[in-house]
Amino acid sequence: MKKMLLALFVVALFSAPALAAGTYPEKPVQMVVAFPPGGSSDVSARVAVEYANKFLPKPLVVSNITGGTGSVGAQHALRATPDGYTLFWEHPTLAVQTASKVVDFSISDFDMIGVAAKSTFILVASKNLPVKNAMDLMNYMKANPGKVRWPMSFGAMSHFAFLYMADGYKGGKLEPGIVANAGDKERMVNIIGGHADASLVGASAAAPYIASGDVLALGVLSDKRLPMLPDLPTLREQGIDAVYNQIFTVFGPKGLPAEVKSTIREAFKKGLATAEAKKALGGMFIVPEVLPAEESAQLWAKQEEFNKSLIQKYNLVKK
């Protein structure tokens, strides 16, 4: 009998999930990015993952699963087996889509691992526009309804970035000429190519084009100036009461083992604390800031609630 129990114990020991032995991950982990390559979500994920991987036995591998303004990738991650081998890198597009009822799920349907880094939006414009700063552009838009071609996508952060700005402008209603687009990179290409005039673009995507002088940088949508662009004022400094941050966050499907969440969070915490990671992300106007799950969830909830207030104020979703 004792021999039988011992045999059963040995079988159970060696057939137990790898997580129980503390060896996660035993194979590459898919990190879903729900947007095309080149945008702020994609480039931030690739750099952050590169440094987190230095503290993991097997790598996180970025996989772009696009469509539905981010909803296709989100649903892929949502429906994945909660074994830790499919994770989700997201900025608050999901908070926008939930509030505007573009999707029927929310942050609460995922397991929160935590915020990994923060960035913001930069107001950029074509060099052909007769403006020098953010307030110039707002006043020009107000005086010329429909003339300023503005790339955005309904139900995405580009749409709500505009709403945050327009709501903070007290000079009257802004009516841009909306240009449909698929992401930050496309917005920049449209402006540089003469197919659009201005937009709010993720700082990491806008950075190289600002440095090259291909576009005008008119202001940042954060609560304080970016250390990478100390001479570029915030919109608040220019009289536009608007702040909107991108909080790049790691999620997983509901039911992730505790070891998965702690292992991934620690890998990002250690990796993004290195001087090399800070320099690499800083070059894209992204600041590493790994936060606990509870604090991360509060930041997301705050944005989602403000999004809902904008939707109600501007009557954007039919009841």
C-alpha atoms as a PDB file:
ATOM      1  CA  MET A   1       0.000   0.000   0.000  1.00  0.00           C
ATOM      2  CA  LYS A   2       2.795   2.389   0.924  1.00  0.00           C
ATOM      3  CA  LYS A   3       4.563   1.611  -2.345  1.00  0.00           C
ATOM      4  CA  MET A   4       1.362   2.339  -4.277  1.00  0.00           C
ATOM      5  CA  LEU A   5       0.857   5.682  -2.521  1.00  0.00           C
ATOM      6  CA  LEU A   6       4.492   6.599  -3.171  1.00  0.00           C
ATOM      7  CA  ALA A   7       4.089   5.723  -6.844  1.00  0.00           C
ATOM      8  CA  LEU A   8       0.954   7.827  -7.103  1.00  0.00           C
ATOM      9  CA  PHE A   9       2.743  10.737  -5.429  1.00  0.00           C
ATOM     10  CA  VAL A  10       5.628  10.533  -7.920  1.00  0.00           C
ATOM     11  CA  VAL A  11       3.242  10.418 -10.880  1.00  0.00           C
ATOM     12  CA  ALA A  12       1.328  13.409  -9.554  1.00  0.00           C
ATOM     13  CA  LEU A  13       4.538  15.319  -8.924  1.00  0.00           C
ATOM     14  CA  PHE A  14       5.856  14.908 -12.459  1.00  0.00           C
ATOM     15  CA  SER A  15       2.497  15.377 -14.167  1.00  0.00           C
ATOM     16  CA  ALA A  16       1.666  18.616 -12.296  1.00  0.00           C
ATOM     17  CA  PRO A  17       1.555  21.843 -14.334  1.00  0.00           C
ATOM     18  CA  ALA A  18       4.867  23.592 -14.847  1.00  0.00           C
ATOM     19  CA  LEU A  19       3.535  26.590 -12.951  1.00  0.00           C
ATOM     20  CA  ALA A  20       3.538  24.587  -9.740  1.00  0.00           C
ATOM     21  CA  ALA A  21       7.280  24.036 -10.095  1.00  0.00           C
ATOM     22  CA  GLY A  22       7.937  27.724 -10.615  1.00  0.00           C
ATOM     23  CA  THR A  23       9.311  27.310 -14.145  1.00  0.00           C
ATOM     24  CA  TYR A  24       6.937  29.608 -16.045  1.00  0.00           C
ATOM     25  CA  PRO A  25       7.288  30.301 -18.870  1.00  0.00           C
ATOM     26  CA  GLU A  26       8.499  27.057 -20.422  1.00  0.00           C
ATOM     27  CA  LYS A  27       7.873  28.275 -23.984  1.00  0.00           C
ATOM     28  CA  PRO A  28       7.525  31.646 -25.759  1.00  0.00           C
ATOM     29  CA  VAL A  29       4.590  33.810 -24.654  1.00  0.00           C
ATOM     30  CA  GLN A  30       2.450  35.611 -27.210  1.00  0.00           C
ATOM     31  CA  MET A  31       2.105  39.303 -26.366  1.00  0.00           C
ATOM     32  CA  VAL A  32      -0.847  40.535 -28.414  1.00  0.00           C
ATOM     33  CA  VAL A  33      -0.723  44.081 -29.763  1.00  0.00           C
ATOM     34  CA  ALA A  34      -4.060  44.982 -31.306  1.00  0.00           C
ATOM     35  CA  PHE A  35      -2.695  47.637 -33.667  1.00  0.00           C
ATOM     36  CA  PRO A  36      -0.460  47.666 -36.762  1.00  0.00           C
ATOM     37  CA  PRO A  37       3.334  47.896 -36.599  1.00  0.00           C
ATOM     38  CA  GLY A  38       4.770  51.399 -36.252  1.00  0.00           C
ATOM     39  CA  GLY A  39       2.215  52.982 -33.940  1.00  0.00           C
ATOM     40  CA  SER A  40       2.744  53.877 -30.297  1.00  0.00           C
ATOM     41  CA  SER A  41       1.185  50.676 -28.991  1.00  0.00           C
ATOM     42  CA  ASP A  42       3.405  48.508 -31.176  1.00  0.00           C
ATOM     43  CA  VAL A  43       6.732  50.295 -30.681  1.00  0.00           C
ATOM     44  CA  SER A  44       6.237  50.647 -26.924  1.00  0.00           C
ATOM     45  CA  ALA A  45       5.460  46.939 -26.625  1.00  0.00           C
ATOM     46  CA  ARG A  46       8.491  45.880 -28.629  1.00  0.00           C
ATOM     47  CA  VAL A  47      10.942  47.943 -26.614  1.00  0.00           C
ATOM     48  CA  ALA A  48       9.411  47.094 -23.223  1.00  0.00           C
ATOM     49  CA  VAL A  49       9.283  43.392 -24.076  1.00  0.00           C
ATOM     50  CA  GLU A  50      12.929  43.434 -25.171  1.00  0.00           C
ATOM     51  CA  TYR A  51      14.041  44.456 -21.682  1.00  0.00           C
ATOM     52  CA  ALA A  52      11.530  42.341 -19.763  1.00  0.00           C
ATOM     53  CA  ASN A  53      12.777  39.303 -21.681  1.00  0.00           C
ATOM     54  CA  LYS A  54      16.183  39.649 -20.013  1.00  0.00           C
ATOM     55  CA  PHE A  55      14.498  38.432 -16.820  1.00  0.00           C
ATOM     56  CA  LEU A  56      12.436  35.565 -18.269  1.00  0.00           C
ATOM     57  CA  PRO A  57      13.552  32.017 -19.150  1.00  0.00           C
ATOM     58  CA  LYS A  58      11.530  32.113 -22.399  1.00  0.00           C
ATOM     59  CA  PRO A  59      10.681  35.253 -24.377  1.00  0.00           C
ATOM     60  CA  LEU A  60       7.587  37.343 -24.763  1.00  0.00           C
ATOM     61  CA  VAL A  61       6.941  37.634 -28.508  1.00  0.00           C
ATOM     62  CA  VAL A  62       4.912  40.530 -29.901  1.00  0.00           C
ATOM     63  CA  SER A  63       2.092  39.471 -32.223  1.00  0.00           C
ATOM     64  CA  ASN A  64       0.111  42.142 -34.106  1.00  0.00           C
ATOM     65  CA  ILE A  65      -3.516  41.012 -34.324  1.00  0.00           C
ATOM     66  CA  THR A  66      -5.310  43.955 -35.883  1.00  0.00           C
ATOM     67  CA  GLY A  67      -8.799  44.977 -36.905  1.00  0.00           C
ATOM     68  CA  GLY A  68     -11.852  46.651 -35.429  1.00  0.00           C
ATOM     69  CA  THR A  69      -9.795  49.556 -34.072  1.00  0.00           C
ATOM     70  CA  GLY A  70      -8.139  47.177 -31.645  1.00  0.00           C
ATOM     71  CA  SER A  71     -11.148  45.062 -30.746  1.00  0.00           C
ATOM     72  CA  VAL A  72     -10.069  41.978 -32.738  1.00  0.00           C
ATOM     73  CA  GLY A  73      -6.802  41.637 -30.836  1.00  0.00           C
ATOM     74  CA  ALA A  74      -8.543  42.345 -27.536  1.00  0.00           C
ATOM     75  CA  GLN A  75     -11.076  39.586 -28.143  1.00  0.00           C
ATOM     76  CA  HIS A  76      -8.314  37.168 -29.132  1.00  0.00           C
ATOM     77  CA  ALA A  77      -6.619  37.752 -25.782  1.00  0.00           C
ATOM     78  CA  LEU A  78      -9.915  37.688 -23.896  1.00  0.00           C
ATOM     79  CA  ARG A  79     -10.815  34.247 -25.258  1.00  0.00           C
ATOM     80  CA  ALA A  80      -7.359  32.720 -24.841  1.00  0.00           C
ATOM     81  CA  THR A  81      -6.682  29.892 -22.406  1.00  0.00           C
ATOM     82  CA  PRO A  82      -5.606  31.493 -19.092  1.00  0.00           C
ATOM     83  CA  ASP A  83      -2.351  29.556 -18.909  1.00  0.00           C
ATOM     84  CA  GLY A  84      -0.051  32.576 -19.218  1.00  0.00           C
ATOM     85  CA  TYR A  85       0.954  31.966 -22.825  1.00  0.00           C
ATOM     86  CA  THR A  86      -1.260  34.654 -24.329  1.00  0.00           C
ATOM     87  CA  LEU A  87      -1.015  38.154 -22.856  1.00  0.00           C
ATOM     88  CA  PHE A  88      -2.277  41.529 -24.034  1.00  0.00           C
ATOM     89  CA  TRP A  89      -0.452  44.874 -24.315  1.00  0.00           C
ATOM     90  CA  GLU A  90      -2.923  47.731 -24.414  1.00  0.00           C
ATOM     91  CA  HIS A  91      -3.230  51.469 -23.961  1.00  0.00           C
ATOM     92  CA  PRO A  92      -6.683  52.799 -22.988  1.00  0.00           C
ATOM     93  CA  THR A  93      -8.386  52.132 -26.317  1.00  0.00           C
ATOM     94  CA  LEU A  94     -10.357  49.504 -24.445  1.00  0.00           C
ATOM     95  CA  ALA A  95     -11.562  52.117 -21.925  1.00  0.00           C
ATOM     96  CA  VAL A  96     -12.775  54.188 -24.882  1.00  0.00           C
ATOM     97  CA  GLN A  97     -14.456  51.292 -26.659  1.00  0.00           C
ATOM     98  CA  THR A  98     -16.209  50.117 -23.512  1.00  0.00           C
ATOM     99  CA  ALA A  99     -17.513  53.603 -22.745  1.00  0.00           C
ATOM    100  CA  SER A 100     -18.702  54.178 -26.313  1.00  0.00           C
ATOM    101  CA  LYS A 101     -20.235  50.677 -26.529  1.00  0.00           C
ATOM    102  CA  VAL A 102     -18.074  49.673 -29.469  1.00  0.00           C
ATOM    103  CA  VAL A 103     -17.392  46.440 -27.563  1.00  0.00           C
ATOM    104  CA  ASP A 104     -19.474  44.596 -24.982  1.00  0.00           C
ATOM    105  CA  PHE A 105     -16.564  43.786 -22.662  1.00  0.00           C
ATOM    106  CA  SER A 106     -14.291  45.851 -20.451  1.00  0.00           C
ATOM    107  CA  ILE A 107     -11.147  45.909 -18.376  1.00  0.00           C
ATOM    108  CA  SER A 108     -12.947  43.934 -15.658  1.00  0.00           C
ATOM    109  CA  ASP A 109     -13.209  40.930 -17.999  1.00  0.00           C
ATOM    110  CA  PHE A 110      -9.396  40.569 -18.047  1.00  0.00           C
ATOM    111  CA  ASP A 111      -6.864  39.811 -15.364  1.00  0.00           C
ATOM    112  CA  MET A 112      -4.834  42.939 -14.675  1.00  0.00           C
ATOM    113  CA  ILE A 113      -1.078  42.446 -14.504  1.00  0.00           C
ATOM    114  CA  GLY A 114      -0.219  46.129 -14.385  1.00  0.00           C
ATOM    115  CA  VAL A 115       0.770  49.361 -16.056  1.00  0.00           C
ATOM    116  CA  ALA A 116       4.304  49.138 -17.465  1.00  0.00           C
ATOM    117  CA  ALA A 117       4.884  52.592 -18.935  1.00  0.00           C
ATOM    118  CA  LYS A 118       3.235  55.939 -19.604  1.00  0.00           C
ATOM    119  CA  SER A 119       3.208  58.388 -22.466  1.00  0.00           C
ATOM    120  CA  THR A 120       0.881  61.006 -23.892  1.00  0.00           C
ATOM    121  CA  PHE A 121      -0.241  62.655 -27.115  1.00  0.00           C
ATOM    122  CA  ILE A 122       1.430  65.449 -29.030  1.00  0.00           C
ATOM    123  CA  LEU A 123      -0.583  67.939 -31.040  1.00  0.00           C
ATOM    124  CA  VAL A 124       1.060  68.026 -34.455  1.00  0.00           C
ATOM    125  CA  ALA A 125       0.208  70.021 -37.563  1.00  0.00           C
ATOM    126  CA  SER A 126       1.235  70.490 -41.143  1.00  0.00           C
ATOM    127  CA  LYS A 127       3.865  73.156 -41.709  1.00  0.00           C
ATOM    128  CA  ASN A 128       1.467  74.672 -44.261  1.00  0.00           C
ATOM    129  CA  LEU A 129      -1.037  75.754 -41.602  1.00  0.00           C
ATOM    130  CA  PRO A 130      -0.849  79.412 -40.465  1.00  0.00           C
ATOM    131  CA  VAL A 131      -0.417  78.509 -36.778  1.00  0.00           C
ATOM    132  CA  LYS A 132       2.419  78.603 -34.236  1.00  0.00           C
ATOM    133  CA  ASN A 133       0.884  76.983 -31.137  1.00  0.00           C
ATOM    134  CA  ALA A 134      -2.084  74.988 -29.886  1.00  0.00           C
ATOM    135  CA  MET A 135      -4.319  77.966 -29.197  1.00  0.00           C
ATOM    136  CA  ASP A 136      -3.608  79.336 -32.698  1.00  0.00           C
ATOM    137  CA  LEU A 137      -4.818  76.027 -34.118  1.00  0.00           C
ATOM    138  CA  MET A 138      -7.940  75.925 -31.957  1.00  0.00           C
ATOM    139  CA  ASN A 139      -8.882  79.478 -32.933  1.00  0.00           C
ATOM    140  CA  TYR A 140      -8.181  78.738 -36.597  1.00  0.00           C
ATOM    141  CA  MET A 141     -10.417  75.657 -36.449  1.00  0.00           C
ATOM    142  CA  LYS A 142     -13.157  77.644 -34.744  1.00  0.00           C
ATOM    143  CA  ALA A 143     -13.005  80.322 -37.454  1.00  0.00           C
ATOM    144  CA  ASN A 144     -12.888  77.784 -40.301  1.00  0.00           C
ATOM    145  CA  PRO A 145     -15.417  74.963 -39.640  1.00  0.00           C
ATOM    146  CA  GLY A 146     -14.595  71.814 -41.576  1.00  0.00           C
ATOM    147  CA  LYS A 147     -11.423  73.235 -43.127  1.00  0.00           C
ATOM    148  CA  VAL A 148      -8.812  71.596 -40.898  1.00  0.00           C
ATOM    149  CA  ARG A 149      -8.558  67.956 -41.989  1.00  0.00           C
ATOM    150  CA  TRP A 150      -8.188  65.873 -38.835  1.00  0.00           C
ATOM    151  CA  PRO A 151      -7.440  62.114 -38.927  1.00  0.00           C
ATOM    152  CA  MET A 152      -9.247  60.078 -36.260  1.00  0.00           C
ATOM    153  CA  SER A 153     -11.231  56.890 -35.772  1.00  0.00           C
ATOM    154  CA  PHE A 154     -14.537  56.781 -33.914  1.00  0.00           C
ATOM    155  CA  GLY A 155     -14.352  54.631 -30.819  1.00  0.00           C
ATOM    156  CA  ALA A 156     -10.567  54.886 -30.585  1.00  0.00           C
ATOM    157  CA  MET A 157      -8.141  56.946 -28.527  1.00  0.00           C
ATOM    158  CA  SER A 158      -7.577  59.306 -31.466  1.00  0.00           C
ATOM    159  CA  HIS A 159     -11.259  60.236 -31.275  1.00  0.00           C
ATOM    160  CA  PHE A 160     -11.232  60.746 -27.532  1.00  0.00           C
ATOM    161  CA  ALA A 161      -7.931  62.622 -27.551  1.00  0.00           C
ATOM    162  CA  PHE A 162      -9.690  65.140 -29.787  1.00  0.00           C
ATOM    163  CA  LEU A 163     -12.695  65.215 -27.426  1.00  0.00           C
ATOM    164  CA  TYR A 164     -10.474  65.813 -24.381  1.00  0.00           C
ATOM    165  CA  MET A 165      -8.845  68.722 -26.212  1.00  0.00           C
ATOM    166  CA  ALA A 166     -12.061  70.152 -27.660  1.00  0.00           C
ATOM    167  CA  ASP A 167     -13.768  69.926 -24.264  1.00  0.00           C
ATOM    168  CA  GLY A 168     -10.872  71.817 -22.697  1.00  0.00           C
ATOM    169  CA  TYR A 169     -11.021  74.593 -25.304  1.00  0.00           C
ATOM    170  CA  LYS A 170     -13.391  77.293 -24.069  1.00  0.00           C
ATOM    171  CA  GLY A 171     -13.511  79.338 -27.285  1.00  0.00           C
ATOM    172  CA  GLY A 172     -16.467  77.511 -28.801  1.00  0.00           C
ATOM    173  CA  LYS A 173     -17.314  74.379 -30.764  1.00  0.00           C
ATOM    174  CA  LEU A 174     -14.605  72.841 -32.947  1.00  0.00           C
ATOM    175  CA  GLU A 175     -15.658  71.252 -36.229  1.00  0.00           C
ATOM    176  CA  PRO A 176     -12.781  69.491 -38.012  1.00  0.00           C
ATOM    177  CA  GLY A 177     -12.949  67.815 -41.382  1.00  0.00           C
ATOM    178  CA  ILE A 178     -12.630  64.199 -40.250  1.00  0.00           C
ATOM    179  CA  VAL A 179     -10.233  61.934 -42.165  1.00  0.00           C
ATOM    180  CA  ALA A 180     -10.632  58.219 -41.468  1.00  0.00           C
ATOM    181  CA  ASN A 181      -7.420  56.393 -40.525  1.00  0.00           C
ATOM    182  CA  ALA A 182      -6.116  53.242 -38.863  1.00  0.00           C
ATOM    183  CA  GLY A 183      -3.496  54.436 -36.392  1.00  0.00           C
ATOM    184  CA  ASP A 184      -0.763  56.824 -35.306  1.00  0.00           C
ATOM    185  CA  LYS A 185       1.596  56.021 -38.153  1.00  0.00           C
ATOM    186  CA  GLU A 186      -1.105  56.563 -40.759  1.00  0.00           C
ATOM    187  CA  ARG A 187      -2.043  59.895 -39.177  1.00  0.00           C
ATOM    188  CA  MET A 188       1.544  61.063 -39.460  1.00  0.00           C
ATOM    189  CA  VAL A 189       1.812  59.862 -43.069  1.00  0.00           C
ATOM    190  CA  ASN A 190      -1.420  61.677 -43.947  1.00  0.00           C
ATOM    191  CA  ILE A 191      -0.176  64.960 -42.468  1.00  0.00           C
ATOM    192  CA  ILE A 192       3.279  64.757 -44.030  1.00  0.00           C
ATOM    193  CA  GLY A 193       1.802  63.706 -47.366  1.00  0.00           C
ATOM    194  CA  GLY A 194      -0.638  66.611 -47.455  1.00  0.00           C
ATOM    195  CA  HIS A 195      -3.770  64.523 -46.984  1.00  0.00           C
ATOM    196  CA  ALA A 196      -4.480  65.868 -43.494  1.00  0.00           C
ATOM    197  CA  ASP A 197      -3.660  69.027 -41.548  1.00  0.00           C
ATOM    198  CA  ALA A 198      -3.416  68.270 -37.830  1.00  0.00           C
ATOM    199  CA  SER A 199      -4.026  65.610 -35.197  1.00  0.00           C
ATOM    200  CA  LEU A 200      -3.171  64.376 -31.724  1.00  0.00           C
ATOM    201  CA  VAL A 201      -0.691  61.539 -32.160  1.00  0.00           C
ATOM    202  CA  GLY A 202       0.923  59.181 -29.680  1.00  0.00           C
ATOM    203  CA  ALA A 203       4.190  60.789 -28.606  1.00  0.00           C
ATOM    204  CA  SER A 204       6.317  57.778 -29.538  1.00  0.00           C
ATOM    205  CA  ALA A 205       4.935  57.741 -33.080  1.00  0.00           C
ATOM    206  CA  ALA A 206       5.243  61.513 -33.509  1.00  0.00           C
ATOM    207  CA  ALA A 207       8.780  61.801 -32.089  1.00  0.00           C
ATOM    208  CA  PRO A 208      10.855  60.965 -35.194  1.00  0.00           C
ATOM    209  CA  TYR A 209       8.817  63.278 -37.422  1.00  0.00           C
ATOM    210  CA  ILE A 210       9.130  66.129 -34.946  1.00  0.00           C
ATOM    211  CA  ALA A 211      12.885  65.576 -34.788  1.00  0.00           C
ATOM    212  CA  SER A 212      13.145  65.557 -38.586  1.00  0.00           C
ATOM    213  CA  GLY A 213      11.110  68.759 -38.886  1.00  0.00           C
ATOM    214  CA  ASP A 214       8.442  67.163 -41.076  1.00  0.00           C
ATOM    215  CA  VAL A 215       5.628  68.459 -38.835  1.00  0.00           C
ATOM    216  CA  LEU A 216       4.981  71.242 -36.357  1.00  0.00           C
ATOM    217  CA  ALA A 217       4.764  70.247 -32.688  1.00  0.00           C
ATOM    218  CA  LEU A 218       2.207  72.538 -31.005  1.00  0.00           C
ATOM    219  CA  GLY A 219       1.748  71.072 -27.518  1.00  0.00           C
ATOM    220  CA  VAL A 220       1.530  67.987 -25.330  1.00  0.00           C
ATOM    221  CA  LEU A 221      -1.631  66.548 -23.805  1.00  0.00           C
ATOM    222  CA  SER A 222      -0.004  65.658 -20.481  1.00  0.00           C
ATOM    223  CA  ASP A 223      -0.129  67.385 -17.095  1.00  0.00           C
ATOM    224  CA  LYS A 224       3.501  68.480 -17.362  1.00  0.00           C
ATOM    225  CA  ARG A 225       6.091  69.013 -20.071  1.00  0.00           C
ATOM    226  CA  LEU A 226       7.922  66.042 -21.474  1.00  0.00           C
ATOM    227  CA  PRO A 227      11.563  65.926 -20.364  1.00  0.00           C
ATOM    228  CA  MET A 228      12.440  64.990 -23.952  1.00  0.00           C
ATOM    229  CA  LEU A 229      10.824  68.191 -25.278  1.00  0.00           C
ATOM    230  CA  PRO A 230      11.271  70.690 -22.454  1.00  0.00           C
ATOM    231  CA  ASP A 231      10.504  73.687 -24.673  1.00  0.00           C
ATOM    232  CA  LEU A 232       7.145  72.323 -25.870  1.00  0.00           C
ATOM    233  CA  PRO A 233       4.356  73.565 -23.551  1.00  0.00           C
ATOM    234  CA  THR A 234       1.397  71.538 -22.417  1.00  0.00           C
ATOM    235  CA  LEU A 235      -2.064  72.375 -23.699  1.00  0.00           C
ATOM    236  CA  ARG A 236      -2.968  73.542 -20.198  1.00  0.00           C
ATOM    237  CA  GLU A 237      -0.151  76.061 -20.289  1.00  0.00           C
ATOM    238  CA  GLN A 238      -1.705  77.404 -23.479  1.00  0.00           C
ATOM    239  CA  GLY A 239      -5.173  77.832 -21.997  1.00  0.00           C
ATOM    240  CA  ILE A 240      -6.689  74.495 -23.063  1.00  0.00           C
ATOM    241  CA  ASP A 241      -7.723  72.509 -19.981  1.00  0.00           C
ATOM    242  CA  ALA A 242      -7.036  68.997 -21.228  1.00  0.00           C
ATOM    243  CA  VAL A 243      -4.879  66.095 -20.033  1.00  0.00           C
ATOM    244  CA  TYR A 244      -4.902  62.607 -21.548  1.00  0.00           C
ATOM    245  CA  ASN A 245      -2.213  60.017 -20.887  1.00  0.00           C
ATOM    246  CA  GLN A 246      -1.467  56.726 -22.558  1.00  0.00           C
ATOM    247  CA  ILE A 247      -1.004  54.047 -19.913  1.00  0.00           C
ATOM    248  CA  PHE A 248       0.608  51.028 -21.546  1.00  0.00           C
ATOM    249  CA  THR A 249      -0.621  48.015 -19.622  1.00  0.00           C
ATOM    250  CA  VAL A 250      -0.267  44.232 -19.578  1.00  0.00           C
ATOM    251  CA  PHE A 251      -3.411  42.110 -19.233  1.00  0.00           C
ATOM    252  CA  GLY A 252      -4.261  38.458 -19.559  1.00  0.00           C
ATOM    253  CA  PRO A 253      -7.407  36.379 -19.895  1.00  0.00           C
ATOM    254  CA  LYS A 254      -9.413  35.959 -16.712  1.00  0.00           C
ATOM    255  CA  GLY A 255      -8.131  33.204 -14.459  1.00  0.00           C
ATOM    256  CA  LEU A 256      -4.354  33.612 -14.792  1.00  0.00           C
ATOM    257  CA  PRO A 257      -2.367  31.772 -12.120  1.00  0.00           C
ATOM    258  CA  ALA A 258      -0.842  34.048  -9.498  1.00  0.00           C
ATOM    259  CA  GLU A 259       2.660  32.973 -10.529  1.00  0.00           C
ATOM    260  CA  VAL A 260       2.081  34.152 -14.085  1.00  0.00           C
ATOM    261  CA  LYS A 261       1.037  37.612 -12.956  1.00  0.00           C
ATOM    262  CA  SER A 262       3.875  38.011 -10.475  1.00  0.00           C
ATOM    263  CA  THR A 263       6.506  36.634 -12.881  1.00  0.00           C
ATOM    264  CA  ILE A 264       5.490  38.949 -15.725  1.00  0.00           C
ATOM    265  CA  ARG A 265       5.154  41.995 -13.484  1.00  0.00           C
ATOM    266  CA  GLU A 266       8.583  41.397 -11.927  1.00  0.00           C
ATOM    267  CA  ALA A 267      10.178  40.922 -15.349  1.00  0.00           C
ATOM    268  CA  PHE A 268       8.860  44.297 -16.494  1.00  0.00           C
ATOM    269  CA  LYS A 269       9.749  45.924 -13.181  1.00  0.00           C
ATOM    270  CA  LYS A 270      13.360  44.742 -13.375  1.00  0.00           C
ATOM    271  CA  GLY A 271      13.761  45.171 -17.110  1.00  0.00           C
ATOM    272  CA  LEU A 272      12.326  48.679 -17.320  1.00  0.00           C
ATOM    273  CA  ALA A 273      14.325  49.865 -14.317  1.00  0.00           C
ATOM    274  CA  THR A 274      17.583  49.486 -16.239  1.00  0.00           C
ATOM    275  CA  ALA A 275      19.324  52.552 -17.623  1.00  0.00           C
ATOM    276  CA  GLU A 276      19.240  50.998 -21.098  1.00  0.00           C
ATOM    277  CA  ALA A 277      15.460  50.562 -21.023  1.00  0.00           C
ATOM    278  CA  LYS A 278      14.886  54.086 -19.751  1.00  0.00           C
ATOM    279  CA  LYS A 279      17.056  55.476 -22.529  1.00  0.00           C
ATOM    280  CA  ALA A 280      15.395  53.382 -25.235  1.00  0.00           C
ATOM    281  CA  LEU A 281      11.859  54.251 -24.122  1.00  0.00           C
ATOM    282  CA  GLY A 282      12.801  57.854 -23.433  1.00  0.00           C
ATOM    283  CA  GLY A 283      13.874  58.161 -27.033  1.00  0.00           C
ATOM    284  CA  MET A 284      10.241  57.476 -27.931  1.00  0.00           C
ATOM    285  CA  PHE A 285       8.847  59.830 -25.283  1.00  0.00           C
ATOM    286  CA  ILE A 286       7.743  56.925 -23.076  1.00  0.00           C
ATOM    287  CA  VAL A 287       8.456  56.793 -19.345  1.00  0.00           C
ATOM    288  CA  PRO A 288       8.759  53.379 -17.625  1.00  0.00           C
ATOM    289  CA  GLU A 289       6.456  53.178 -14.619  1.00  0.00           C
ATOM    290  CA  VAL A 290       5.519  49.688 -13.470  1.00  0.00           C
ATOM    291  CA  LEU A 291       2.524  49.846 -11.139  1.00  0.00           C
ATOM    292  CA  PRO A 292       0.696  47.288  -8.973  1.00  0.00           C
ATOM    293  CA  ALA A 293      -2.468  45.734 -10.379  1.00  0.00           C
ATOM    294  CA  GLU A 294      -4.827  47.608  -8.030  1.00  0.00           C
ATOM    295  CA  GLU A 295      -3.370  51.042  -8.793  1.00  0.00           C
ATOM    296  CA  SER A 296      -3.353  50.208 -12.500  1.00  0.00           C
ATOM    297  CA  ALA A 297      -7.019  49.261 -12.400  1.00  0.00           C
ATOM    298  CA  GLN A 298      -7.863  52.561 -10.713  1.00  0.00           C
ATOM    299  CA  LEU A 299      -6.159  54.545 -13.471  1.00  0.00           C
ATOM    300  CA  TRP A 300      -8.094  52.663 -16.121  1.00  0.00           C
ATOM    301  CA  ALA A 301     -11.391  53.098 -14.281  1.00  0.00           C
ATOM    302  CA  LYS A 302     -10.800  56.844 -13.972  1.00  0.00           C
ATOM    303  CA  GLN A 303     -10.296  57.207 -17.709  1.00  0.00           C
ATOM    304  CA  GLU A 304     -13.301  55.051 -18.493  1.00  0.00           C
ATOM    305  CA  GLU A 305     -15.539  57.191 -16.271  1.00  0.00           C
ATOM    306  CA  PHE A 306     -14.348  60.425 -17.882  1.00  0.00           C
ATOM    307  CA  ASN A 307     -14.907  58.902 -21.306  1.00  0.00           C
ATOM    308  CA  LYS A 308     -18.485  58.106 -20.322  1.00  0.00           C
ATOM    309  CA  SER A 309     -19.007  61.685 -19.172  1.00  0.00           C
ATOM    310  CA  LEU A 310     -17.807  62.964 -22.567  1.00  0.00           C
ATOM    311  CA  ILE A 311     -20.108  60.547 -24.366  1.00  0.00           C
ATOM    312  CA  GLN A 312     -23.071  61.767 -22.346  1.00  0.00           C
ATOM    313  CA  LYS A 313     -22.124  65.439 -22.741  1.00  0.00           C
ATOM    314  CA  TYR A 314     -21.749  65.216 -26.513  1.00  0.00           C
ATOM    315  CA  ASN A 315     -24.533  62.670 -27.032  1.00  0.00           C
ATOM    316  CA  LEU A 316     -22.242  60.292 -28.917  1.00  0.00           C
ATOM    317  CA  VAL A 317     -23.985  56.997 -28.264  1.00  0.00           C
ATOM    318  CA  LYS A 318     -27.663  56.334 -28.743  1.00  0.00           C
ATOM    319  CA  LYS A 319     -29.348  54.933 -25.661  1.00  0.00           C
END
